[in-house]
Amino acid sequence: MSGLLARIEAGAAPHHLAVFGGFHPTSRDSAPVGTRTLLLFGPQEPGFWPHVSRQPEFLDQRPDPMDRWSDRVMSALARQFDAQALFPFGGPPYQPFISWALRSGRAWTSPVGLLVHDRAGLFISYRGALALPRRIALPPAPQRPCDSCAGQPCRSACPVAALTETGYDLASCHAYLDTEPGKDCMTTGCAVRRACPVSAAHGRLAEQSAFHMKAFHK
């Protein structure tokens, strides 16, 4: 790990954030002009939810606490490391975080179409990115975890087969979440995401999944 990358990781750690991947953009990546390295950040587990849920943005009863917290923390990191903060929210237009995630070499398309990450599994989420004007060395990319996943349980985990390799039936998903059995997904997280062995080892609390499910199923 390069010295600057180590310092950035150390700066993010008190906020329970970690570098979830990075790459050196080309003109095709829609990164800000002058970006030599782009780093993606996600929740560091275990411990992210107990930390973030105590922050001022979660206590002031105003909308979008996670996005407002992400904005404050990532903007401070950008100032600290002479970078530009970028976010997956706040559009349109929206930054191409899915494309950036795939470019990082640490996220891939899973057998059910969702992004899967080498550390977070199907619980992958990005709180922001830093666009740096310096090219820094990045560690080698790991292998896609799905390639060695026995049985790939994500394929059959959805109770209504809304998420499969052939596509995502969003209407069926939302209809199921309105039923009594659907409360399991609403309170503990999407059954497909939970079925991923990498997700299961990530340490994400059910309370955080419930927060995201509530935002998804408005």
Protein backbone atom coordinates (compact mmCIF):
# COMPACT_ATOMS: atom_id res chain seq x y z
CA MET A 1 0.00 0.00 0.00
CA SER A 2 1.34 3.41 -0.95
CA GLY A 3 2.07 5.94 1.76
CA LEU A 4 -0.71 8.29 0.65
CA LEU A 5 -3.24 5.47 0.39
CA ALA A 6 -2.34 4.36 3.90
CA ARG A 7 -2.85 7.90 5.19
CA ILE A 8 -6.22 8.15 3.46
CA GLU A 9 -7.29 4.82 4.96
CA ALA A 10 -6.20 6.08 8.38
CA GLY A 11 -8.14 9.32 7.87
CA ALA A 12 -11.30 7.41 6.96
CA ALA A 13 -11.05 4.83 9.75
CA PRO A 14 -12.43 7.03 12.61
CA HIS A 15 -15.59 7.43 10.52
CA HIS A 16 -15.88 3.65 10.02
CA LEU A 17 -15.22 4.07 6.32
CA ALA A 18 -12.74 2.09 4.23
CA VAL A 19 -11.41 2.26 0.70
CA PHE A 20 -13.53 -0.23 -1.24
CA GLY A 21 -11.50 0.02 -4.42
CA GLY A 22 -9.87 2.45 -6.77
CA PHE A 23 -8.56 2.89 -10.29
CA HIS A 24 -6.68 5.25 -12.55
CA PRO A 25 -9.29 6.91 -14.79
CA THR A 26 -9.09 7.40 -18.52
CA SER A 27 -11.17 9.77 -20.63
CA ARG A 28 -13.88 7.08 -20.87
CA ASP A 29 -14.55 6.93 -17.12
CA SER A 30 -16.40 10.25 -16.68
CA ALA A 31 -14.16 11.26 -13.79
CA PRO A 32 -13.49 14.96 -13.11
CA VAL A 33 -10.85 16.51 -15.32
CA GLY A 34 -7.40 16.11 -13.81
CA THR A 35 -8.26 12.99 -11.77
CA ARG A 36 -5.26 10.65 -11.64
CA THR A 37 -6.68 8.26 -9.02
CA LEU A 38 -10.28 7.69 -7.99
CA LEU A 39 -10.99 5.94 -4.67
CA LEU A 40 -14.36 4.51 -3.63
CA PHE A 41 -15.42 4.37 0.03
CA GLY A 42 -17.84 2.08 1.83
CA PRO A 43 -18.78 1.16 5.40
CA GLN A 44 -16.09 -0.46 7.51
CA GLU A 45 -17.61 -3.36 9.42
CA PRO A 46 -18.19 -4.31 12.09
CA GLY A 47 -19.20 -1.11 13.83
CA PHE A 48 -20.44 1.20 11.08
CA TRP A 49 -24.09 1.40 12.14
CA PRO A 50 -23.47 1.98 15.89
CA HIS A 51 -21.12 4.81 14.86
CA VAL A 52 -23.14 6.52 12.15
CA SER A 53 -26.51 6.25 13.90
CA ARG A 54 -25.14 8.40 16.74
CA GLN A 55 -24.03 11.21 14.44
CA PRO A 56 -25.82 14.62 14.41
CA GLU A 57 -27.47 13.93 11.06
CA PHE A 58 -29.30 10.95 12.56
CA LEU A 59 -30.44 12.87 15.63
CA ASP A 60 -31.85 16.07 14.12
CA GLN A 61 -34.99 14.45 12.62
CA ARG A 62 -34.28 15.94 9.18
CA PRO A 63 -34.52 13.91 5.95
CA ASP A 64 -31.68 11.94 4.33
CA PRO A 65 -29.40 11.52 7.35
CA MET A 66 -27.08 9.01 5.65
CA ASP A 67 -26.52 11.20 2.61
CA ARG A 68 -25.99 14.33 4.72
CA TRP A 69 -23.50 12.49 6.94
CA SER A 70 -21.69 11.13 3.89
CA ASP A 71 -21.50 14.63 2.41
CA ARG A 72 -20.01 16.09 5.59
CA VAL A 73 -17.46 13.33 6.19
CA MET A 74 -16.35 12.80 2.61
CA SER A 75 -16.06 16.55 2.00
CA ALA A 76 -13.81 16.83 5.05
CA LEU A 77 -11.62 13.98 3.76
CA ALA A 78 -11.42 15.71 0.38
CA ARG A 79 -10.15 18.91 2.01
CA GLN A 80 -7.65 16.94 4.07
CA PHE A 81 -6.15 15.16 1.06
CA ASP A 82 -6.47 17.84 -1.63
CA ALA A 83 -9.13 15.86 -3.50
CA GLN A 84 -12.65 16.31 -4.83
CA ALA A 85 -15.53 14.52 -3.10
CA LEU A 86 -18.04 12.73 -5.34
CA PHE A 87 -21.31 11.09 -4.30
CA PRO A 88 -23.79 8.48 -5.59
CA PHE A 89 -26.67 10.80 -4.65
CA GLY A 90 -27.60 14.41 -5.33
CA GLY A 91 -28.58 14.07 -8.99
CA PRO A 92 -29.65 14.09 -11.64
CA PRO A 93 -27.20 13.92 -13.22
CA TYR A 94 -25.68 11.12 -11.14
CA GLN A 95 -22.06 10.04 -10.98
CA PRO A 96 -21.48 6.60 -12.61
CA PHE A 97 -20.69 4.74 -9.39
CA ILE A 98 -21.66 1.33 -10.79
CA SER A 99 -19.24 1.74 -13.69
CA TRP A 100 -16.56 3.00 -11.30
CA ALA A 101 -17.15 0.04 -8.99
CA LEU A 102 -16.64 -2.40 -11.85
CA ARG A 103 -13.52 -0.50 -12.94
CA SER A 104 -12.05 -0.83 -9.45
CA GLY A 105 -11.53 -4.57 -9.85
CA ARG A 106 -13.08 -5.17 -6.43
CA ALA A 107 -16.74 -5.31 -7.47
CA TRP A 108 -18.36 -7.53 -10.08
CA THR A 109 -21.78 -8.44 -11.45
CA SER A 110 -23.14 -11.27 -9.30
CA PRO A 111 -25.15 -14.26 -10.62
CA VAL A 112 -28.35 -12.33 -9.77
CA GLY A 113 -27.24 -9.09 -11.39
CA LEU A 114 -26.49 -7.11 -8.23
CA LEU A 115 -22.99 -5.83 -7.57
CA VAL A 116 -20.90 -8.07 -5.33
CA HIS A 117 -17.78 -6.84 -3.50
CA ASP A 118 -14.78 -8.83 -2.33
CA ARG A 119 -15.29 -7.76 1.33
CA ALA A 120 -18.92 -6.64 1.58
CA GLY A 121 -20.47 -9.22 -0.72
CA LEU A 122 -24.00 -8.28 -1.81
CA PHE A 123 -24.16 -5.77 1.04
CA ILE A 124 -21.92 -3.46 -0.96
CA SER A 125 -22.73 0.23 -0.72
CA TYR A 126 -20.69 3.30 -1.54
CA ARG A 127 -20.85 6.42 0.59
CA GLY A 128 -18.69 8.48 -1.72
CA ALA A 129 -15.47 8.76 -3.70
CA LEU A 130 -12.36 10.89 -3.76
CA ALA A 131 -10.93 12.15 -7.03
CA LEU A 132 -7.21 12.77 -6.46
CA PRO A 133 -4.91 14.78 -8.73
CA ARG A 134 -2.08 12.34 -8.01
CA ARG A 135 -1.54 8.83 -9.34
CA ILE A 136 -1.02 6.51 -6.40
CA ALA A 137 -0.17 2.83 -6.38
CA LEU A 138 -3.11 0.52 -5.74
CA PRO A 139 -3.03 -3.06 -4.46
CA PRO A 140 -3.67 -5.90 -6.93
CA ALA A 141 -7.31 -6.80 -7.53
CA PRO A 142 -8.66 -9.91 -5.75
CA GLN A 143 -10.60 -12.70 -7.40
CA ARG A 144 -14.37 -12.54 -7.88
CA PRO A 145 -15.82 -14.39 -4.85
CA CYS A 146 -18.71 -15.87 -6.87
CA ASP A 147 -16.27 -17.97 -8.88
CA SER A 148 -15.42 -20.07 -5.81
CA CYS A 149 -18.82 -19.84 -4.07
CA ALA A 150 -20.22 -23.32 -3.52
CA GLY A 151 -23.80 -23.56 -4.70
CA GLN A 152 -24.17 -19.81 -5.22
CA PRO A 153 -27.11 -19.55 -2.76
CA CYS A 154 -28.05 -16.06 -3.98
CA ARG A 155 -29.60 -17.66 -7.07
CA SER A 156 -32.44 -19.32 -5.15
CA ALA A 157 -32.75 -17.10 -2.06
CA CYS A 158 -35.52 -14.73 -3.20
CA PRO A 159 -38.90 -15.96 -1.86
CA VAL A 160 -40.70 -14.74 -4.99
CA ALA A 161 -37.87 -15.21 -7.50
CA ALA A 162 -37.78 -11.48 -8.15
CA LEU A 163 -33.98 -11.49 -8.46
CA THR A 164 -32.58 -14.01 -10.92
CA GLU A 165 -29.87 -14.19 -13.55
CA THR A 166 -32.45 -13.21 -16.17
CA GLY A 167 -33.42 -9.91 -14.52
CA TYR A 168 -35.09 -8.11 -11.63
CA ASP A 169 -38.88 -8.13 -11.24
CA LEU A 170 -39.15 -4.93 -9.21
CA ALA A 171 -42.96 -5.04 -9.00
CA SER A 172 -42.96 -8.55 -7.51
CA CYS A 173 -40.30 -7.51 -5.01
CA HIS A 174 -42.28 -4.51 -3.77
CA ALA A 175 -45.52 -6.50 -3.65
CA TYR A 176 -43.86 -9.17 -1.50
CA LEU A 177 -42.46 -6.59 0.91
CA ASP A 178 -46.05 -5.50 1.65
CA THR A 179 -46.98 -8.99 2.87
CA GLU A 180 -46.53 -10.52 6.32
CA PRO A 181 -43.71 -12.86 5.16
CA GLY A 182 -42.07 -9.86 3.52
CA LYS A 183 -41.44 -8.30 6.92
CA ASP A 184 -38.40 -10.56 7.25
CA CYS A 185 -36.71 -8.80 4.33
CA MET A 186 -37.88 -5.40 5.58
CA THR A 187 -36.44 -5.84 9.07
CA THR A 188 -33.31 -7.91 8.44
CA GLY A 189 -32.43 -7.12 4.84
CA CYS A 190 -32.98 -8.58 1.39
CA ALA A 191 -32.91 -12.39 1.55
CA VAL A 192 -30.76 -12.55 -1.57
CA ARG A 193 -28.15 -10.20 -0.14
CA ARG A 194 -28.14 -12.11 3.16
CA ALA A 195 -27.65 -15.44 1.37
CA CYS A 196 -24.24 -14.38 0.03
CA PRO A 197 -21.53 -15.98 2.22
CA VAL A 198 -19.35 -12.89 1.87
CA SER A 199 -22.27 -10.70 3.01
CA ALA A 200 -22.85 -12.97 6.00
CA ALA A 201 -19.24 -12.54 7.11
CA HIS A 202 -19.24 -8.76 6.62
CA GLY A 203 -20.71 -7.87 10.02
CA ARG A 204 -23.52 -5.56 8.87
CA LEU A 205 -26.28 -5.19 11.47
CA ALA A 206 -29.93 -5.86 10.69
CA GLU A 207 -30.78 -2.32 11.85
CA GLN A 208 -28.75 -0.86 9.00
CA SER A 209 -30.40 -3.16 6.47
CA ALA A 210 -33.82 -2.14 7.83
CA PHE A 211 -32.88 1.53 7.36
CA HIS A 212 -31.99 0.95 3.71
CA MET A 213 -35.01 -1.27 3.07
CA LYS A 214 -37.32 1.43 4.41
CA ALA A 215 -35.75 3.95 2.03
CA PHE A 216 -36.05 1.49 -0.86
CA HIS A 217 -39.68 0.50 -0.19
CA LYS A 218 -41.31 3.88 0.29
